[in-house]
Amino acid sequence: MKGRISNYVLRKYADYFYTKWEKNILWNQIDPYRRPKSFTPLVSIYIAAFYTGVIGAAITEQLYKEKYWEDHPGEEVPLMMPSFYRGPWRVVRGDALRPPSESNP
């Protein structure tokens, strides 16, 4: 009985190993002729991420304006400093903003 079980297990493993090798050879031969993967999901994710950032920036700027109007009613709202860029930047129309103070990074 014990010999039959080990013989059965070895035979099943050999069949599995041989068919696995056979499948690999077959798919390696077919692989160059496959259709290329679609870029549609990747492009969709990039578009969604871009518009998420645009909407987030618009919401942030609107909240900034509302807070400024609450503190300074009737005044013109100055341009908002860039959130993630601390280097020098140029304003095309208007005066450049003062650099952020050291106490408020």
Protein backbone atom coordinates (compact mmCIF):
# COMPACT_ATOMS: atom_id res chain seq x y z
CA MET A 1 0.00 0.00 0.00
CA LYS A 2 2.77 2.41 0.95
CA GLY A 3 4.67 1.74 -2.26
CA ARG A 4 1.57 2.37 -4.35
CA ILE A 5 0.93 5.78 -2.73
CA SER A 6 4.51 6.97 -3.19
CA ASN A 7 4.50 5.67 -6.77
CA TYR A 8 1.20 7.51 -7.42
CA VAL A 9 2.53 10.76 -5.90
CA LEU A 10 5.76 10.57 -7.92
CA ARG A 11 3.84 9.86 -11.13
CA LYS A 12 1.49 12.82 -10.51
CA TYR A 13 4.45 15.11 -9.79
CA ALA A 14 6.21 13.96 -12.97
CA ASP A 15 3.06 14.58 -15.01
CA TYR A 16 2.67 18.03 -13.46
CA PHE A 17 6.32 18.91 -14.04
CA TYR A 18 6.32 17.66 -17.63
CA THR A 19 3.10 19.48 -18.57
CA LYS A 20 4.37 22.62 -16.86
CA TRP A 21 7.56 22.49 -18.94
CA GLU A 22 5.56 21.76 -22.07
CA LYS A 23 3.24 24.72 -21.43
CA ASN A 24 6.19 27.05 -20.87
CA ILE A 25 7.75 26.04 -24.17
CA LEU A 26 4.46 26.55 -25.99
CA TRP A 27 3.75 29.98 -24.47
CA ASN A 28 7.32 31.16 -25.03
CA GLN A 29 6.89 30.41 -28.72
CA ILE A 30 3.54 32.21 -28.94
CA ASP A 31 4.53 35.23 -26.80
CA PRO A 32 6.05 37.40 -29.60
CA TYR A 33 2.79 37.15 -31.57
CA ARG A 34 0.47 38.30 -28.78
CA ARG A 35 -1.41 41.59 -28.97
CA PRO A 36 0.27 44.34 -26.94
CA LYS A 37 -1.39 45.28 -23.67
CA SER A 38 -3.79 48.19 -23.82
CA PHE A 39 -2.77 51.59 -22.47
CA THR A 40 -6.41 52.59 -21.87
CA PRO A 41 -6.46 51.78 -18.11
CA LEU A 42 -3.18 53.63 -17.54
CA VAL A 43 -4.32 56.68 -19.50
CA SER A 44 -7.66 56.67 -17.64
CA ILE A 45 -5.88 56.66 -14.29
CA TYR A 46 -3.61 59.54 -15.36
CA ILE A 47 -6.58 61.59 -16.57
CA ALA A 48 -8.49 60.95 -13.35
CA ALA A 49 -5.44 61.92 -11.27
CA PHE A 50 -4.94 65.12 -13.26
CA TYR A 51 -8.53 66.27 -12.86
CA THR A 52 -8.52 65.31 -9.19
CA GLY A 53 -5.54 67.65 -8.75
CA VAL A 54 -7.26 70.43 -10.70
CA ILE A 55 -10.42 70.16 -8.59
CA GLY A 56 -8.34 70.00 -5.39
CA ALA A 57 -6.43 73.15 -6.38
CA ALA A 58 -9.66 74.99 -7.18
CA ILE A 59 -11.19 74.03 -3.83
CA THR A 60 -8.01 75.07 -1.97
CA GLU A 61 -7.93 78.45 -3.72
CA GLN A 62 -11.62 79.09 -3.04
CA LEU A 63 -11.17 78.29 0.66
CA TYR A 64 -8.16 80.64 0.74
CA LYS A 65 -10.23 83.46 -0.80
CA GLU A 66 -13.14 82.92 1.59
CA LYS A 67 -10.83 82.99 4.61
CA TYR A 68 -9.12 86.15 3.37
CA TRP A 69 -12.50 87.86 2.76
CA GLU A 70 -13.62 86.99 6.28
CA ASP A 71 -10.48 88.60 7.76
CA HIS A 72 -10.30 91.55 5.30
CA PRO A 73 -13.79 92.38 3.98
CA GLY A 74 -13.96 94.46 0.81
CA GLU A 75 -10.26 94.11 -0.06
CA GLU A 76 -8.80 92.52 -3.16
CA VAL A 77 -7.49 89.04 -2.50
CA PRO A 78 -3.75 88.68 -3.19
CA LEU A 79 -2.42 85.75 -5.17
CA MET A 80 -2.05 82.56 -3.21
CA MET A 81 1.49 81.33 -2.64
CA PRO A 82 2.27 77.94 -4.20
CA SER A 83 1.73 75.17 -1.67
CA PHE A 84 4.41 72.68 -2.69
CA TYR A 85 6.97 74.96 -4.37
CA ARG A 86 9.23 77.01 -2.12
CA GLY A 87 11.64 78.34 -4.77
CA PRO A 88 11.55 81.62 -6.68
CA TRP A 89 8.64 82.16 -9.05
CA ARG A 90 7.50 84.94 -11.34
CA VAL A 91 4.07 86.53 -11.61
CA VAL A 92 3.22 87.54 -15.17
CA ARG A 93 0.60 90.20 -14.44
CA GLY A 94 0.89 91.89 -11.10
CA ASP A 95 3.40 92.27 -8.33
CA ALA A 96 5.44 89.36 -7.06
CA LEU A 97 4.43 88.22 -3.62
CA ARG A 98 6.71 88.60 -0.66
CA PRO A 99 8.59 85.41 0.29
CA PRO A 100 7.05 83.46 3.17
CA SER A 101 8.28 84.52 6.57
CA GLU A 102 10.59 82.26 8.54
CA SER A 103 8.04 81.84 11.33
CA ASN A 104 5.39 80.53 8.91
CA PRO A 105 7.04 77.92 6.64
